[in-house]
């Protein structure tokens, strides 16, 4: 969606029908090229040679646009995941791993924008506001996985809480985003390791074999913190 290379602002041809993707891309390019957010929709639209009303066809404000960028990251992740013909046969653990690996590949393609927009908002509530839609999507995705798991359990005592599991998946997402933002390893290899260990840990916890996995994950986090 975004480019990490600075270039002259891209002007939209007047006869071209403006799409939501055009506006998202133009906004992300603007942020990267100007190192600040647009002051007004009017000026943003004028600079990108589009009627102001075209912006309002899709977004009521820049705040709603910023939320939709994260929603789009999620949608793209699911689209890419489902293009794998084997995905439907994956276990829930494999689906979760695929989700996180793919999501962070997409974030990496848009790393400059993501780093800017999350570091620009130093207050946690400001960050959470633009991630609100993503939080809902991630929790719903996790709920679907745990529902599938529970359907395969004949003993009700072995069923797992959809609410607790989905909230845990969201906390996991926040941790991994922060880890990825601070990751300076080649190819973000440490983030891949964190994804694998965190996903395996949360599944092991729900499979009633938490101790070894939790200890292993804790050692990994401690080692990365001290390195």
Protein backbone atom coordinates (compact mmCIF):
# COMPACT_ATOMS: atom_id res chain seq x y z
CA UNK A 1 0.00 0.00 0.00
CA UNK A 2 2.72 2.44 0.93
CA UNK A 3 6.16 3.05 -0.45
CA UNK A 4 9.25 3.59 1.64
CA UNK A 5 10.89 5.70 -1.05
CA UNK A 6 10.35 9.43 -1.18
CA UNK A 7 8.96 10.70 -4.43
CA UNK A 8 6.93 13.61 -5.73
CA UNK A 9 3.29 13.49 -4.66
CA UNK A 10 1.27 11.39 -7.06
CA UNK A 11 -1.49 13.32 -8.75
CA UNK A 12 -4.71 11.51 -9.56
CA UNK A 13 -5.94 12.09 -13.10
CA UNK A 14 -9.15 14.12 -13.05
CA UNK A 15 -11.02 11.61 -15.20
CA UNK A 16 -10.06 8.66 -13.02
CA UNK A 17 -12.64 7.27 -10.63
CA UNK A 18 -11.25 7.51 -7.11
CA UNK A 19 -11.29 4.29 -5.07
CA UNK A 20 -10.83 3.74 -1.39
CA UNK A 21 -7.47 2.12 -2.09
CA UNK A 22 -6.37 5.27 -3.96
CA UNK A 23 -7.15 7.41 -0.91
CA UNK A 24 -5.47 5.05 1.54
CA UNK A 25 -2.34 4.92 -0.60
CA UNK A 26 -2.31 8.68 -1.11
CA UNK A 27 -2.63 9.25 2.64
CA UNK A 28 0.19 6.88 3.52
CA UNK A 29 2.41 8.41 0.83
CA UNK A 30 1.63 11.87 2.16
CA UNK A 31 2.61 10.91 5.70
CA UNK A 32 5.90 9.40 4.55
CA UNK A 33 6.82 12.21 2.18
CA UNK A 34 5.88 15.08 4.50
CA UNK A 35 6.63 13.33 7.81
CA UNK A 36 3.39 14.67 9.22
CA UNK A 37 -0.33 14.09 8.86
CA UNK A 38 -2.44 16.31 6.55
CA UNK A 39 -3.86 19.44 8.15
CA UNK A 40 -7.21 19.22 6.42
CA UNK A 41 -9.17 17.05 4.01
CA UNK A 42 -9.46 20.01 1.65
CA UNK A 43 -5.69 20.48 1.35
CA UNK A 44 -5.07 16.74 1.15
CA UNK A 45 -7.63 16.31 -1.63
CA UNK A 46 -6.32 19.34 -3.53
CA UNK A 47 -2.72 18.11 -3.38
CA UNK A 48 -3.81 14.74 -4.76
CA UNK A 49 -5.97 16.29 -7.48
CA UNK A 50 -9.22 14.76 -6.25
CA UNK A 51 -12.55 16.35 -5.36
CA UNK A 52 -12.98 16.70 -1.61
CA UNK A 53 -16.33 14.89 -1.78
CA UNK A 54 -14.56 11.79 -3.10
CA UNK A 55 -12.78 11.50 0.23
CA UNK A 56 -16.08 11.66 2.10
CA UNK A 57 -17.55 8.89 -0.02
CA UNK A 58 -15.37 6.50 1.95
CA UNK A 59 -14.27 8.25 5.15
CA UNK A 60 -15.78 10.74 7.55
CA UNK A 61 -12.42 11.91 8.84
CA UNK A 62 -8.72 11.12 8.91
CA UNK A 63 -9.33 9.17 12.12
CA UNK A 64 -11.67 6.77 10.32
CA UNK A 65 -9.15 6.50 7.48
CA UNK A 66 -6.35 5.55 9.88
CA UNK A 67 -8.55 2.83 11.39
CA UNK A 68 -9.35 1.51 7.94
CA UNK A 69 -5.67 1.16 7.08
CA UNK A 70 -5.34 -1.39 9.89
CA UNK A 71 -8.59 -3.06 8.85
CA UNK A 72 -7.14 -3.35 5.35
CA UNK A 73 -3.97 -4.95 6.71
CA UNK A 74 -6.18 -7.59 8.35
CA UNK A 75 -8.29 -8.14 5.22
CA UNK A 76 -5.19 -8.50 3.06
CA UNK A 77 -3.78 -11.01 5.55
CA UNK A 78 -6.88 -13.18 5.39
CA UNK A 79 -7.04 -12.94 1.58
CA UNK A 80 -3.42 -14.05 1.24
CA UNK A 81 -3.89 -16.85 3.78
CA UNK A 82 -6.94 -18.26 2.01
CA UNK A 83 -5.17 -18.26 -1.35
CA UNK A 84 -3.17 -21.19 0.01
CA UNK A 85 -5.20 -24.21 -1.08
CA UNK A 86 -4.00 -26.14 1.97
CA UNK A 87 -5.21 -23.48 4.43
CA UNK A 88 -8.64 -25.06 4.87
CA UNK A 89 -6.96 -28.27 6.07
CA UNK A 90 -4.65 -26.51 8.56
CA UNK A 91 -5.02 -27.10 12.27
CA UNK A 92 -6.09 -24.12 14.36
CA UNK A 93 -2.51 -23.70 15.51
CA UNK A 94 -1.30 -23.62 11.90
CA UNK A 95 -4.02 -21.12 10.95
CA UNK A 96 -2.96 -18.81 13.77
CA UNK A 97 0.71 -19.11 12.81
CA UNK A 98 -0.16 -18.42 9.17
CA UNK A 99 -2.18 -15.39 10.22
CA UNK A 100 0.62 -13.81 12.25
CA UNK A 101 3.38 -14.61 9.75
CA UNK A 102 1.34 -13.12 6.90
CA UNK A 103 0.18 -10.11 8.92
CA UNK A 104 3.73 -9.15 9.81
CA UNK A 105 4.89 -9.66 6.23
CA UNK A 106 2.30 -7.07 5.23
CA UNK A 107 3.34 -4.77 8.08
CA UNK A 108 6.94 -5.07 6.92
CA UNK A 109 5.95 -3.93 3.43
CA UNK A 110 4.46 -0.86 5.11
CA UNK A 111 6.97 -0.60 7.95
CA UNK A 112 7.84 3.09 7.54
CA UNK A 113 4.20 4.10 7.81
CA UNK A 114 3.44 1.78 10.72
CA UNK A 115 6.47 2.93 12.70
CA UNK A 116 5.58 6.57 12.09
CA UNK A 117 1.90 6.36 12.95
CA UNK A 118 2.42 4.34 16.15
CA UNK A 119 5.37 6.37 17.38
CA UNK A 120 3.63 9.64 16.53
CA UNK A 121 0.90 8.80 19.02
CA UNK A 122 2.82 8.47 22.27
CA UNK A 123 -0.32 8.09 24.38
CA UNK A 124 -1.58 4.52 24.54
CA UNK A 125 -5.25 5.58 24.18
CA UNK A 126 -4.44 7.34 20.89
CA UNK A 127 -2.77 4.20 19.58
CA UNK A 128 -5.65 2.01 20.70
CA UNK A 129 -8.18 4.23 18.95
CA UNK A 130 -6.75 3.59 15.48
CA UNK A 131 -6.34 -0.12 16.31
CA UNK A 132 -9.95 -0.50 17.47
CA UNK A 133 -11.16 -2.10 14.26
CA UNK A 134 -8.15 -4.42 14.08
CA UNK A 135 -8.81 -5.51 17.67
CA UNK A 136 -12.35 -6.53 16.74
CA UNK A 137 -11.17 -8.47 13.68
CA UNK A 138 -8.41 -10.31 15.56
CA UNK A 139 -10.73 -11.24 18.43
CA UNK A 140 -13.40 -12.53 16.05
CA UNK A 141 -10.81 -14.57 14.16
CA UNK A 142 -9.55 -16.10 17.42
CA UNK A 143 -13.12 -16.81 18.55
CA UNK A 144 -13.78 -18.73 15.35
CA UNK A 145 -10.71 -20.87 15.96
CA UNK A 146 -11.67 -21.71 19.54
CA UNK A 147 -15.27 -22.40 18.48
CA UNK A 148 -13.97 -24.93 15.97
CA UNK A 149 -11.83 -26.49 18.69
CA UNK A 150 -14.74 -26.71 21.13
CA UNK A 151 -16.97 -28.35 18.52
CA UNK A 152 -14.51 -31.25 18.39
CA UNK A 153 -14.59 -31.78 22.17
CA UNK A 154 -17.14 -34.24 23.48
CA UNK A 155 -16.40 -33.39 27.13
CA UNK A 156 -17.67 -29.93 28.12
CA UNK A 157 -14.91 -29.72 30.73
CA UNK A 158 -12.35 -29.65 27.92
CA UNK A 159 -13.97 -26.68 26.19
CA UNK A 160 -12.15 -23.37 26.30
CA UNK A 161 -13.46 -19.83 26.89
CA UNK A 162 -13.88 -17.97 23.61
CA UNK A 163 -13.73 -14.63 25.42
CA UNK A 164 -10.51 -15.35 27.29
CA UNK A 165 -8.86 -16.92 24.26
CA UNK A 166 -9.77 -14.05 21.92
CA UNK A 167 -8.58 -11.43 24.39
CA UNK A 168 -5.35 -13.38 24.79
CA UNK A 169 -4.88 -13.34 21.01
CA UNK A 170 -5.27 -9.55 20.98
CA UNK A 171 -2.75 -9.08 23.81
CA UNK A 172 -0.46 -11.36 21.84
CA UNK A 173 -0.90 -9.13 18.79
CA UNK A 174 0.02 -5.99 20.74
CA UNK A 175 3.11 -7.67 22.16
CA UNK A 176 4.24 -8.83 18.72
CA UNK A 177 3.71 -5.40 17.15
CA UNK A 178 5.88 -3.82 19.84
CA UNK A 179 8.48 -6.60 19.42
CA UNK A 180 8.51 -6.15 15.64
CA UNK A 181 8.89 -2.37 15.94
CA UNK A 182 11.99 -2.84 18.09
CA UNK A 183 13.38 -5.76 16.07
CA UNK A 184 16.64 -4.90 14.30
CA UNK A 185 17.53 -8.44 13.23
CA UNK A 186 18.10 -9.28 9.56
CA UNK A 187 14.83 -10.14 7.88
CA UNK A 188 13.12 -9.67 11.28
CA UNK A 189 14.10 -13.22 12.18
CA UNK A 190 13.60 -12.53 15.88
CA UNK A 191 9.99 -11.53 15.22
CA UNK A 192 9.42 -14.83 13.40
CA UNK A 193 10.80 -16.64 16.45
CA UNK A 194 8.58 -14.61 18.76
CA UNK A 195 5.52 -15.44 16.64
CA UNK A 196 6.28 -19.17 16.70
CA UNK A 197 6.96 -19.28 20.42
CA UNK A 198 4.01 -17.09 21.42
CA UNK A 199 1.50 -18.98 19.27
CA UNK A 200 2.77 -22.36 20.43
CA UNK A 201 2.64 -21.16 24.04
CA UNK A 202 -0.95 -19.96 23.90
CA UNK A 203 -2.07 -23.19 22.24
CA UNK A 204 -0.12 -25.30 24.71
CA UNK A 205 -1.78 -23.41 27.56
CA UNK A 206 -5.19 -24.30 26.17
CA UNK A 207 -4.08 -27.89 25.69
CA UNK A 208 -3.28 -28.14 29.41
CA UNK A 209 0.46 -28.49 28.91
CA UNK A 210 1.62 -25.00 29.78
CA UNK A 211 4.65 -25.33 32.02
CA UNK A 212 7.45 -26.21 29.61
CA UNK A 213 6.10 -23.91 26.91
CA UNK A 214 5.63 -20.97 29.24
CA UNK A 215 9.11 -21.41 30.72
CA UNK A 216 10.64 -21.66 27.24
CA UNK A 217 8.83 -18.54 26.06
CA UNK A 218 9.79 -16.68 29.24
CA UNK A 219 13.46 -17.56 28.71
CA UNK A 220 13.22 -16.34 25.11
CA UNK A 221 11.76 -12.98 26.16
CA UNK A 222 14.34 -12.57 28.91
CA UNK A 223 17.19 -13.37 26.54
CA UNK A 224 15.94 -10.87 23.94
CA UNK A 225 15.47 -8.18 26.59
CA UNK A 226 19.02 -8.62 27.88
CA UNK A 227 20.68 -8.89 24.44
